[in-house]
Amino acid sequence: MRAVITVVGKDAVGILAKVSTKCSEHQINVMEVTQSIVQDMFAMIMMVDITKSTIPFTQLVDEMMEMGRKNNLVIHCMHEDIFNAMHTI
């Protein structure tokens, strides 16, 4: 099973490190990352494998949202099934 994590906010040192560290803490494998910085805005999309996650997906969503709040970022986690359903006609 996979999930999509998106991060948007003002650019700062260590954003990618914080998100990937949180994933690592819960045995979530980062499979692919794309990021851009436009002027001073940071945007990242991360595809992760949640198959071996040590926490329920809902807890991951909550932890990422809280980390985003603490770092003035918007971090959103979406299960791949939901993502695919949203983009199916």
Protein backbone atom coordinates (compact mmCIF):
# COMPACT_ATOMS: atom_id res chain seq x y z
CA MET A 1 0.00 0.00 0.00
CA ARG A 2 1.18 3.48 -0.78
CA ALA A 3 0.32 7.01 0.23
CA VAL A 4 0.94 10.48 -1.12
CA ILE A 5 2.33 13.15 1.22
CA THR A 6 2.26 16.78 0.10
CA VAL A 7 4.03 19.65 1.84
CA VAL A 8 3.57 23.35 1.09
CA GLY A 9 4.93 26.38 2.93
CA LYS A 10 7.63 28.97 3.23
CA ASP A 11 11.02 27.48 2.39
CA ALA A 12 13.28 26.61 5.33
CA VAL A 13 16.22 24.34 5.98
CA GLY A 14 15.32 20.75 6.89
CA ILE A 15 11.74 20.36 5.65
CA LEU A 16 12.51 17.24 3.62
CA ALA A 17 14.59 15.86 6.51
CA LYS A 18 11.77 16.35 9.04
CA VAL A 19 9.16 14.64 6.90
CA SER A 20 11.41 11.74 5.90
CA THR A 21 12.56 11.29 9.52
CA LYS A 22 8.93 11.03 10.66
CA CYS A 23 8.38 8.38 7.98
CA SER A 24 11.49 6.48 9.06
CA GLU A 25 10.38 6.47 12.70
CA HIS A 26 7.33 4.44 11.65
CA GLN A 27 9.01 2.12 9.10
CA ILE A 28 7.45 4.01 6.18
CA ASN A 29 9.64 3.83 3.09
CA VAL A 30 10.05 6.95 0.95
CA MET A 31 9.86 5.73 -2.64
CA GLU A 32 9.89 8.93 -4.66
CA VAL A 33 10.19 12.65 -3.98
CA THR A 34 9.76 15.72 -6.11
CA GLN A 35 10.17 19.20 -4.74
CA SER A 36 10.27 22.74 -6.02
CA ILE A 37 11.07 26.11 -4.60
CA VAL A 38 9.36 29.06 -6.27
CA GLN A 39 10.73 32.29 -4.88
CA ASP A 40 10.45 31.52 -1.15
CA MET A 41 7.68 28.90 -1.32
CA PHE A 42 8.49 25.20 -0.87
CA ALA A 43 6.33 22.48 -2.46
CA MET A 44 6.95 18.75 -2.21
CA ILE A 45 5.16 15.58 -3.25
CA MET A 46 6.34 12.33 -1.70
CA MET A 47 5.19 8.80 -2.57
CA VAL A 48 5.64 6.45 0.38
CA ASP A 49 5.14 2.74 1.01
CA ILE A 50 3.01 2.26 4.13
CA THR A 51 2.90 -1.54 3.96
CA LYS A 52 5.20 -1.99 6.99
CA SER A 53 4.04 1.07 8.91
CA THR A 54 4.10 0.61 12.68
CA ILE A 55 1.13 2.96 13.17
CA PRO A 56 -2.37 3.19 11.70
CA PHE A 57 -2.66 5.47 8.67
CA THR A 58 -5.00 7.84 10.56
CA GLN A 59 -2.30 8.36 13.18
CA LEU A 60 0.25 9.16 10.46
CA VAL A 61 -2.15 11.74 9.03
CA ASP A 62 -2.55 13.34 12.47
CA GLU A 63 1.20 13.35 13.20
CA MET A 64 2.04 14.91 9.83
CA MET A 65 -0.65 17.58 10.25
CA GLU A 66 0.67 18.41 13.71
CA MET A 67 4.25 18.61 12.47
CA GLY A 68 3.07 20.92 9.72
CA ARG A 69 1.27 23.13 12.20
CA LYS A 70 4.36 23.39 14.38
CA ASN A 71 6.54 24.30 11.38
CA ASN A 72 4.12 26.66 9.59
CA LEU A 73 3.60 24.15 6.77
CA VAL A 74 0.58 22.43 5.30
CA ILE A 75 1.27 18.69 5.29
CA HIS A 76 -1.38 16.42 3.85
CA CYS A 77 -1.34 12.61 3.66
CA MET A 78 -3.66 10.75 1.33
CA HIS A 79 -3.97 7.00 0.91
CA GLU A 80 -3.24 5.94 -2.67
CA ASP A 81 -6.72 4.40 -3.03
CA ILE A 82 -8.38 7.73 -2.21
CA PHE A 83 -6.00 9.59 -4.50
CA ASN A 84 -6.78 7.22 -7.38
CA ALA A 85 -10.54 7.39 -6.75
CA MET A 86 -10.46 11.18 -6.83
CA HIS A 87 -8.75 11.14 -10.22
CA THR A 88 -10.95 8.52 -11.89
CA ILE A 89 -13.75 9.65 -14.16
